[in-house]
Each structure stands twice: as C-alpha cells, then as structure tokens.
C-alpha cells in the first residue's frame, strides 16, 4: 500500500508547488477513479484523494456555553487528530496516508511546541508535509484547527 501511495505522490509532485500541486493531484485522482466528487465524513473525496474540512477540538460544553473552558492546545490537538483518524479509517485509509496537513493556531508562538508534542505521536515516522499558521478564531475556546489531504487506497 505504501508503494502505491509513493507512486501516486511522485506523479503528483511533478506538477508544481502550492495550490497548483493540489489542483493537479485532484486531477490525477479524478483520472484514477471515475467516482467524481463525493461528500464523506469530515470532507470531500475526489478519486483517491480525501480533502478534509478544518476540524476543531473544542469541548462540547464550550460549544454550548461561550464562557466554558474549551480545552488546552494538547487536548484539542488530540481530539482533532482522533476525529481525522476515524474519518480516514471509515474510508479504508489511515493517518499513514496523509500527504499534507495545515494547522491553524490561535497563538502560534507559545502553543506550537505543545501541539507538536501531540502531533508527533500521531505521525511518528515519515510525517506528511505540514504548514503551521497563526489564526484568529471567532471564539476564545478554539486553540487549533487542522485540515489535511490524504490518499485513499
């Protein structure tokens, strides 16, 4: 399975960088499968590629009460990665097949190291490409949001 993913990524990598690369990978995935664009848990699947929506890990009580504590950065990161793991497994994939991750942090300067501690447990070897960006969220409870692109065998 890893060999198939690597071949797919190698073909996609020849397209270029940034948004062009993602658009190109989507085109390659479309050619690999006649399934088209399909809504799946947590995002959209196009052929062999899964594009997740950004997920947050705020505690349920904080979603109902804006004054409640939403959880620290480690707790939220773990909750998010568990949701992504579950979504990928429901399609027959796994975190090992993640190609690209984008992490949005409320306080990138002080919380990135703590987020990295949890992140490293979910991607212990051969981690995917990743960007970490500072973001302002519309609520005070959200500390982190994570989206990803993964290959689905």
N, C-alpha and C. Protein backbone atom coordinates (compact mmCIF):
# COMPACT_ATOMS: atom_id res chain seq x y z
N UNK A 1 0.82 -1.18 0.00
CA UNK A 1 0.00 0.00 0.00
C UNK A 1 0.87 1.25 0.00
N UNK A 2 1.98 1.25 0.78
CA UNK A 2 2.85 2.41 0.82
C UNK A 2 3.48 2.67 -0.54
N UNK A 3 3.79 1.61 -1.28
CA UNK A 3 4.38 1.78 -2.60
C UNK A 3 3.39 2.47 -3.54
N UNK A 4 2.11 2.10 -3.47
CA UNK A 4 1.10 2.76 -4.30
C UNK A 4 1.01 4.25 -3.96
N UNK A 5 1.01 4.57 -2.66
CA UNK A 5 0.93 5.96 -2.24
C UNK A 5 2.13 6.73 -2.75
N UNK A 6 3.31 6.16 -2.61
CA UNK A 6 4.53 6.86 -3.05
C UNK A 6 4.50 7.10 -4.55
N UNK A 7 4.06 6.11 -5.34
CA UNK A 7 3.97 6.29 -6.78
C UNK A 7 2.99 7.41 -7.11
N UNK A 8 1.86 7.43 -6.43
CA UNK A 8 0.86 8.46 -6.65
C UNK A 8 1.44 9.84 -6.32
N UNK A 9 2.12 9.95 -5.18
CA UNK A 9 2.70 11.22 -4.76
C UNK A 9 3.80 11.65 -5.71
N UNK A 10 4.61 10.72 -6.17
CA UNK A 10 5.67 11.06 -7.13
C UNK A 10 5.09 11.64 -8.41
N UNK A 11 4.03 11.04 -8.91
CA UNK A 11 3.40 11.57 -10.12
C UNK A 11 2.84 12.96 -9.87
N UNK A 12 2.22 13.16 -8.72
CA UNK A 12 1.63 14.45 -8.39
C UNK A 12 2.70 15.51 -8.16
N UNK A 13 3.83 15.14 -7.59
CA UNK A 13 4.89 16.09 -7.27
C UNK A 13 5.47 16.74 -8.52
N UNK A 14 5.40 16.09 -9.65
CA UNK A 14 5.93 16.65 -10.88
C UNK A 14 5.11 17.81 -11.42
N UNK A 15 3.99 18.08 -10.84
CA UNK A 15 3.09 19.12 -11.34
C UNK A 15 3.52 20.51 -10.94
N UNK A 16 4.12 20.69 -9.77
CA UNK A 16 4.49 22.02 -9.30
C UNK A 16 4.19 22.15 -7.83
N UNK A 17 4.23 23.36 -7.30
CA UNK A 17 4.04 23.57 -5.88
C UNK A 17 2.75 24.26 -5.55
N UNK A 18 2.45 24.34 -4.28
CA UNK A 18 1.33 25.10 -3.76
C UNK A 18 -0.01 24.64 -4.26
N UNK A 19 -0.88 25.63 -4.53
CA UNK A 19 -2.25 25.34 -4.95
C UNK A 19 -2.27 24.59 -6.28
N UNK A 20 -1.31 24.90 -7.15
CA UNK A 20 -1.25 24.21 -8.43
C UNK A 20 -1.03 22.71 -8.22
N UNK A 21 -0.18 22.36 -7.25
CA UNK A 21 0.08 20.95 -6.97
C UNK A 21 -1.17 20.26 -6.47
N UNK A 22 -1.91 20.91 -5.56
CA UNK A 22 -3.13 20.29 -5.05
C UNK A 22 -4.17 20.14 -6.14
N UNK A 23 -4.29 21.15 -6.99
CA UNK A 23 -5.24 21.06 -8.10
C UNK A 23 -4.81 19.93 -9.04
N UNK A 24 -3.52 19.82 -9.28
CA UNK A 24 -3.01 18.76 -10.14
C UNK A 24 -3.24 17.39 -9.55
N UNK A 25 -3.02 17.27 -8.22
CA UNK A 25 -3.25 15.98 -7.56
C UNK A 25 -4.72 15.62 -7.66
N UNK A 26 -5.60 16.59 -7.53
CA UNK A 26 -7.03 16.31 -7.66
C UNK A 26 -7.35 15.81 -9.06
N UNK A 27 -6.72 16.41 -10.06
CA UNK A 27 -6.94 15.96 -11.44
C UNK A 27 -6.43 14.53 -11.62
N UNK A 28 -5.25 14.23 -11.06
CA UNK A 28 -4.72 12.87 -11.14
C UNK A 28 -5.66 11.88 -10.45
N UNK A 29 -6.16 12.27 -9.29
CA UNK A 29 -7.06 11.40 -8.55
C UNK A 29 -8.34 11.16 -9.35
N UNK A 30 -8.83 12.21 -10.00
CA UNK A 30 -10.04 12.08 -10.80
C UNK A 30 -9.82 11.07 -11.92
N UNK A 31 -8.66 11.12 -12.54
CA UNK A 31 -8.34 10.18 -13.60
C UNK A 31 -8.21 8.76 -13.08
N UNK A 32 -7.81 8.63 -11.81
CA UNK A 32 -7.62 7.31 -11.23
C UNK A 32 -8.94 6.65 -10.86
N UNK A 33 -9.97 7.44 -10.72
CA UNK A 33 -11.26 6.89 -10.33
C UNK A 33 -12.38 7.68 -10.98
N UNK A 34 -13.37 7.00 -11.47
CA UNK A 34 -14.48 7.68 -12.12
C UNK A 34 -15.54 8.12 -11.13
N UNK A 35 -15.24 8.08 -9.82
CA UNK A 35 -16.22 8.38 -8.80
C UNK A 35 -16.64 9.83 -8.71
N UNK A 36 -15.81 10.76 -9.17
CA UNK A 36 -16.16 12.17 -9.08
C UNK A 36 -16.02 12.69 -7.66
N UNK A 37 -16.61 13.83 -7.40
CA UNK A 37 -16.54 14.49 -6.09
C UNK A 37 -17.66 13.95 -5.20
N UNK A 38 -17.28 13.44 -4.02
CA UNK A 38 -18.24 12.81 -3.12
C UNK A 38 -18.05 13.36 -1.71
N UNK A 39 -19.14 13.76 -1.05
CA UNK A 39 -19.09 14.17 0.35
C UNK A 39 -18.87 12.92 1.20
N UNK A 40 -17.90 13.01 2.11
CA UNK A 40 -17.61 11.92 3.03
C UNK A 40 -17.47 12.53 4.42
N UNK A 41 -17.42 11.71 5.47
CA UNK A 41 -17.29 12.27 6.82
C UNK A 41 -16.09 13.21 6.94
N UNK A 42 -16.36 14.44 7.28
CA UNK A 42 -15.30 15.41 7.53
C UNK A 42 -14.70 16.08 6.32
N UNK A 43 -15.24 15.84 5.12
CA UNK A 43 -14.65 16.48 3.96
C UNK A 43 -15.21 16.00 2.64
N UNK A 44 -14.32 16.00 1.62
CA UNK A 44 -14.70 15.64 0.27
C UNK A 44 -13.67 14.66 -0.28
N UNK A 45 -14.15 13.66 -0.99
CA UNK A 45 -13.25 12.71 -1.65
C UNK A 45 -13.38 12.89 -3.15
N UNK A 46 -12.22 12.97 -3.80
CA UNK A 46 -12.17 13.04 -5.26
C UNK A 46 -11.24 11.92 -5.69
N UNK A 47 -11.79 10.89 -6.27
CA UNK A 47 -10.97 9.74 -6.67
C UNK A 47 -10.28 9.15 -5.45
N UNK A 48 -8.95 9.09 -5.51
CA UNK A 48 -8.18 8.52 -4.41
C UNK A 48 -7.71 9.57 -3.40
N UNK A 49 -8.19 10.79 -3.51
CA UNK A 49 -7.77 11.84 -2.58
C UNK A 49 -8.93 12.26 -1.68
N UNK A 50 -8.59 12.49 -0.43
CA UNK A 50 -9.54 12.98 0.57
C UNK A 50 -9.05 14.37 1.00
N UNK A 51 -9.92 15.36 0.90
CA UNK A 51 -9.64 16.72 1.34
C UNK A 51 -10.55 16.98 2.54
N UNK A 52 -9.95 17.10 3.72
CA UNK A 52 -10.78 17.30 4.91
C UNK A 52 -11.17 18.76 5.06
N UNK A 53 -12.24 18.96 5.76
CA UNK A 53 -12.56 20.30 6.24
C UNK A 53 -11.67 20.54 7.44
N UNK A 54 -11.52 21.80 7.84
CA UNK A 54 -10.78 22.09 9.06
C UNK A 54 -11.61 21.64 10.25
N UNK A 55 -11.02 20.85 11.13
CA UNK A 55 -11.72 20.37 12.32
C UNK A 55 -11.15 21.05 13.55
N UNK A 56 -12.01 21.32 14.51
CA UNK A 56 -11.58 21.88 15.79
C UNK A 56 -11.89 20.88 16.89
N UNK A 57 -11.23 21.03 18.03
CA UNK A 57 -11.38 20.07 19.12
C UNK A 57 -11.91 20.67 20.40
N UNK A 58 -12.73 21.69 20.28
CA UNK A 58 -13.28 22.35 21.46
C UNK A 58 -14.21 21.39 22.20
N UNK A 59 -14.12 21.40 23.53
CA UNK A 59 -15.01 20.56 24.34
C UNK A 59 -16.47 20.90 24.05
N UNK A 60 -17.31 19.88 24.12
CA UNK A 60 -18.74 20.05 23.81
C UNK A 60 -19.40 21.13 24.68
N UNK A 61 -19.05 21.16 25.97
CA UNK A 61 -19.68 22.15 26.86
C UNK A 61 -19.32 23.58 26.47
N UNK A 62 -18.15 23.78 25.87
CA UNK A 62 -17.74 25.12 25.44
C UNK A 62 -18.47 25.53 24.16
N UNK A 63 -18.93 24.55 23.39
CA UNK A 63 -19.72 24.88 22.20
C UNK A 63 -21.08 25.43 22.60
N UNK A 64 -21.59 24.98 23.74
CA UNK A 64 -22.89 25.41 24.22
C UNK A 64 -22.80 26.67 25.07
N UNK A 65 -21.69 26.83 25.80
CA UNK A 65 -21.51 27.95 26.71
C UNK A 65 -20.18 28.64 26.39
N UNK A 66 -20.24 29.83 25.81
CA UNK A 66 -19.00 30.51 25.41
C UNK A 66 -18.07 30.85 26.57
N UNK A 67 -18.54 30.77 27.80
CA UNK A 67 -17.69 31.06 28.95
C UNK A 67 -17.00 29.81 29.50
N UNK A 68 -17.38 28.64 29.00
CA UNK A 68 -16.77 27.39 29.45
C UNK A 68 -15.39 27.21 28.82
N UNK A 69 -14.52 26.52 29.53
CA UNK A 69 -13.17 26.24 29.03
C UNK A 69 -13.24 25.23 27.89
N UNK A 70 -12.61 25.53 26.76
CA UNK A 70 -12.68 24.68 25.58
C UNK A 70 -11.65 23.58 25.52
N UNK A 71 -10.72 23.55 26.48
CA UNK A 71 -9.64 22.56 26.47
C UNK A 71 -8.34 23.22 26.06
N UNK A 72 -7.21 22.69 26.57
CA UNK A 72 -5.92 23.28 26.21
C UNK A 72 -5.49 22.79 24.82
N UNK A 73 -4.38 23.30 24.35
CA UNK A 73 -3.91 23.01 23.00
C UNK A 73 -3.64 21.51 22.80
N UNK A 74 -3.09 20.85 23.80
CA UNK A 74 -2.81 19.42 23.67
C UNK A 74 -4.10 18.61 23.57
N UNK A 75 -5.04 18.92 24.42
CA UNK A 75 -6.32 18.21 24.40
C UNK A 75 -7.04 18.41 23.07
N UNK A 76 -7.07 19.65 22.61
CA UNK A 76 -7.75 19.93 21.34
C UNK A 76 -7.05 19.26 20.17
N UNK A 77 -5.72 19.29 20.15
CA UNK A 77 -4.97 18.64 19.07
C UNK A 77 -5.26 17.15 19.04
N UNK A 78 -5.25 16.52 20.20
CA UNK A 78 -5.53 15.08 20.26
C UNK A 78 -6.95 14.78 19.79
N UNK A 79 -7.90 15.55 20.23
CA UNK A 79 -9.30 15.33 19.83
C UNK A 79 -9.44 15.45 18.31
N UNK A 80 -8.81 16.46 17.72
CA UNK A 80 -8.89 16.67 16.27
C UNK A 80 -8.26 15.51 15.51
N UNK A 81 -7.05 15.12 15.91
CA UNK A 81 -6.37 14.04 15.19
C UNK A 81 -7.11 12.72 15.33
N UNK A 82 -7.76 12.50 16.45
CA UNK A 82 -8.59 11.29 16.61
C UNK A 82 -9.78 11.35 15.65
N UNK A 83 -10.39 12.52 15.48
CA UNK A 83 -11.50 12.65 14.52
C UNK A 83 -11.02 12.39 13.10
N UNK A 84 -9.87 12.97 12.74
CA UNK A 84 -9.32 12.73 11.40
C UNK A 84 -9.01 11.25 11.21
N UNK A 85 -8.43 10.62 12.21
CA UNK A 85 -8.11 9.19 12.14
C UNK A 85 -9.38 8.37 11.89
N UNK A 86 -10.43 8.66 12.64
CA UNK A 86 -11.70 7.95 12.49
C UNK A 86 -12.28 8.15 11.09
N UNK A 87 -12.25 9.39 10.60
CA UNK A 87 -12.78 9.67 9.26
C UNK A 87 -12.01 8.91 8.19
N UNK A 88 -10.68 8.90 8.30
CA UNK A 88 -9.87 8.19 7.32
C UNK A 88 -10.13 6.69 7.37
N UNK A 89 -10.20 6.14 8.56
CA UNK A 89 -10.44 4.70 8.71
C UNK A 89 -11.80 4.30 8.16
N UNK A 90 -12.79 5.20 8.23
CA UNK A 90 -14.12 4.89 7.69
C UNK A 90 -14.09 4.74 6.17
N UNK A 91 -13.03 5.28 5.53
CA UNK A 91 -12.88 5.16 4.07
C UNK A 91 -11.85 4.09 3.69
N UNK A 92 -11.31 3.39 4.69
CA UNK A 92 -10.31 2.37 4.42
C UNK A 92 -8.90 2.93 4.30
N UNK A 93 -8.67 4.12 4.84
CA UNK A 93 -7.35 4.74 4.81
C UNK A 93 -6.84 4.88 6.24
N UNK A 94 -5.77 5.66 6.41
CA UNK A 94 -5.21 5.85 7.75
C UNK A 94 -4.36 7.11 7.76
N UNK A 95 -3.90 7.48 8.94
CA UNK A 95 -3.02 8.64 9.07
C UNK A 95 -1.70 8.43 8.34
N UNK A 96 -1.31 7.19 8.11
CA UNK A 96 -0.08 6.90 7.36
C UNK A 96 -0.18 7.39 5.91
N UNK A 97 -1.40 7.58 5.42
CA UNK A 97 -1.61 8.01 4.04
C UNK A 97 -1.83 9.51 3.90
N UNK A 98 -1.62 10.25 4.96
CA UNK A 98 -1.78 11.70 4.89
C UNK A 98 -0.60 12.29 4.12
N UNK A 99 -0.91 13.17 3.18
CA UNK A 99 0.09 13.79 2.31
C UNK A 99 0.44 15.19 2.80
N UNK A 100 -0.57 15.96 3.23
CA UNK A 100 -0.37 17.37 3.59
C UNK A 100 -1.29 17.73 4.75
N UNK A 101 -0.75 18.47 5.71
CA UNK A 101 -1.51 18.93 6.86
C UNK A 101 -1.33 20.45 6.98
N UNK A 102 -2.42 21.14 7.26
CA UNK A 102 -2.36 22.57 7.57
C UNK A 102 -2.93 22.74 8.97
N UNK A 103 -2.14 23.38 9.84
CA UNK A 103 -2.52 23.60 11.23
C UNK A 103 -2.68 25.10 11.45
N UNK A 104 -3.82 25.51 11.96
CA UNK A 104 -4.07 26.90 12.30
C UNK A 104 -4.07 27.02 13.82
N UNK A 105 -3.23 27.89 14.35
CA UNK A 105 -3.08 28.03 15.80
C UNK A 105 -3.47 29.43 16.26
N UNK A 106 -4.21 29.49 17.37
CA UNK A 106 -4.60 30.78 17.94
C UNK A 106 -3.38 31.55 18.42
N UNK A 107 -2.39 30.85 18.95
CA UNK A 107 -1.17 31.50 19.43
C UNK A 107 0.03 30.66 18.99
N UNK A 108 0.43 30.85 17.76
CA UNK A 108 1.48 30.01 17.17
C UNK A 108 2.80 30.12 17.92
N UNK A 109 3.09 31.27 18.49
CA UNK A 109 4.38 31.46 19.17
C UNK A 109 4.49 30.66 20.46
N UNK A 110 3.42 30.58 21.22
CA UNK A 110 3.52 29.90 22.52
C UNK A 110 2.90 28.50 22.54
N UNK A 111 2.06 28.17 21.57
CA UNK A 111 1.38 26.87 21.63
C UNK A 111 1.87 25.84 20.60
N UNK A 112 2.73 26.26 19.68
CA UNK A 112 3.18 25.33 18.64
C UNK A 112 3.95 24.15 19.22
N UNK A 113 4.81 24.39 20.19
CA UNK A 113 5.59 23.28 20.77
C UNK A 113 4.70 22.25 21.43
N UNK A 114 3.68 22.69 22.16
CA UNK A 114 2.76 21.77 22.82
C UNK A 114 1.95 20.99 21.78
N UNK A 115 1.52 21.67 20.72
CA UNK A 115 0.80 20.99 19.65
C UNK A 115 1.71 19.95 18.99
N UNK A 116 2.99 20.30 18.79
CA UNK A 116 3.94 19.38 18.16
C UNK A 116 4.12 18.09 18.97
N UNK A 117 4.07 18.20 20.29
CA UNK A 117 4.21 17.01 21.14
C UNK A 117 3.13 15.98 20.82
N UNK A 118 1.90 16.45 20.72
CA UNK A 118 0.78 15.54 20.41
C UNK A 118 0.86 15.09 18.96
N UNK A 119 1.10 16.01 18.07
CA UNK A 119 1.18 15.73 16.63
C UNK A 119 2.19 14.61 16.35
N UNK A 120 3.34 14.66 17.01
CA UNK A 120 4.40 13.67 16.80
C UNK A 120 3.96 12.25 17.17
N UNK A 121 3.03 12.12 18.11
CA UNK A 121 2.53 10.79 18.48
C UNK A 121 1.67 10.20 17.36
N UNK A 122 1.02 11.03 16.58
CA UNK A 122 0.15 10.56 15.51
C UNK A 122 0.90 10.37 14.19
N UNK A 123 2.03 11.05 14.05
CA UNK A 123 2.87 10.93 12.85
C UNK A 123 4.30 10.66 13.29
N UNK A 124 4.57 9.46 13.89
CA UNK A 124 5.88 9.19 14.49
C UNK A 124 7.02 9.01 13.48
N UNK A 125 6.71 8.55 12.27
CA UNK A 125 7.75 8.40 11.26
C UNK A 125 7.15 8.76 9.91
N UNK A 126 7.99 9.22 9.02
CA UNK A 126 7.54 9.62 7.69
C UNK A 126 6.37 10.61 7.76
N UNK A 127 6.50 11.71 8.51
CA UNK A 127 5.37 12.63 8.65
C UNK A 127 5.05 13.33 7.32
N UNK A 128 3.81 13.73 7.15
CA UNK A 128 3.42 14.42 5.92
C UNK A 128 3.97 15.85 5.90
N UNK A 129 3.92 16.48 4.74
CA UNK A 129 4.26 17.90 4.64
C UNK A 129 3.28 18.66 5.53
N UNK A 130 3.77 19.73 6.16
CA UNK A 130 2.89 20.46 7.09
C UNK A 130 3.20 21.94 7.10
N UNK A 131 2.17 22.74 7.23
CA UNK A 131 2.29 24.17 7.47
C UNK A 131 1.59 24.47 8.78
N UNK A 132 2.16 25.38 9.57
CA UNK A 132 1.52 25.83 10.81
C UNK A 132 1.40 27.35 10.72
N UNK A 133 0.19 27.84 10.87
CA UNK A 133 -0.11 29.24 10.62
C UNK A 133 -0.85 29.82 11.82
N UNK A 134 -0.51 31.04 12.19
CA UNK A 134 -1.26 31.75 13.23
C UNK A 134 -2.60 32.19 12.67
N UNK A 135 -3.66 32.07 13.48
CA UNK A 135 -5.01 32.42 13.02
C UNK A 135 -5.80 33.05 14.15
N UNK A 136 -6.74 33.89 13.79
CA UNK A 136 -7.66 34.46 14.77
C UNK A 136 -9.01 33.77 14.57
N UNK A 137 -9.46 33.09 15.62
CA UNK A 137 -10.72 32.36 15.56
C UNK A 137 -11.87 33.23 16.05
N UNK A 138 -13.09 32.95 15.62
CA UNK A 138 -14.23 33.77 16.02
C UNK A 138 -14.68 33.56 17.48
N UNK A 139 -14.07 32.59 18.16
CA UNK A 139 -14.40 32.36 19.57
C UNK A 139 -13.11 32.21 20.36
N UNK A 140 -13.20 32.32 21.67
CA UNK A 140 -12.00 32.23 22.50
C UNK A 140 -11.65 30.78 22.88
N UNK A 141 -12.58 29.86 22.71
CA UNK A 141 -12.35 28.48 23.11
C UNK A 141 -11.45 27.73 22.13
N UNK A 142 -11.51 28.06 20.85
CA UNK A 142 -10.75 27.35 19.83
C UNK A 142 -9.28 27.75 19.89
N UNK A 143 -8.42 26.76 20.08
CA UNK A 143 -6.97 26.99 20.12
C UNK A 143 -6.30 26.51 18.84
N UNK A 144 -6.92 25.53 18.15
CA UNK A 144 -6.29 24.93 16.98
C UNK A 144 -7.36 24.37 16.04
N UNK A 145 -7.06 24.44 14.75
CA UNK A 145 -7.89 23.83 13.71
C UNK A 145 -6.93 23.12 12.76
N UNK A 146 -7.29 21.91 12.35
CA UNK A 146 -6.40 21.12 11.49
C UNK A 146 -7.19 20.58 10.30
N UNK A 147 -6.60 20.77 9.11
CA UNK A 147 -7.16 20.17 7.90
C UNK A 147 -6.07 19.35 7.23
N UNK A 148 -6.47 18.39 6.43
CA UNK A 148 -5.47 17.54 5.79
C UNK A 148 -5.92 17.04 4.43
N UNK A 149 -4.94 16.56 3.69
CA UNK A 149 -5.16 15.89 2.40
C UNK A 149 -4.54 14.50 2.56
N UNK A 150 -5.30 13.48 2.16
CA UNK A 150 -4.80 12.11 2.30
C UNK A 150 -5.13 11.29 1.07
N UNK A 151 -4.33 10.27 0.87
CA UNK A 151 -4.54 9.30 -0.18
C UNK A 151 -5.41 8.18 0.38
N UNK A 152 -6.40 7.77 -0.41
CA UNK A 152 -7.27 6.67 -0.01
C UNK A 152 -7.04 5.52 -0.99
N UNK A 153 -6.55 4.38 -0.48
CA UNK A 153 -6.26 3.24 -1.39
C UNK A 153 -7.51 2.70 -2.06
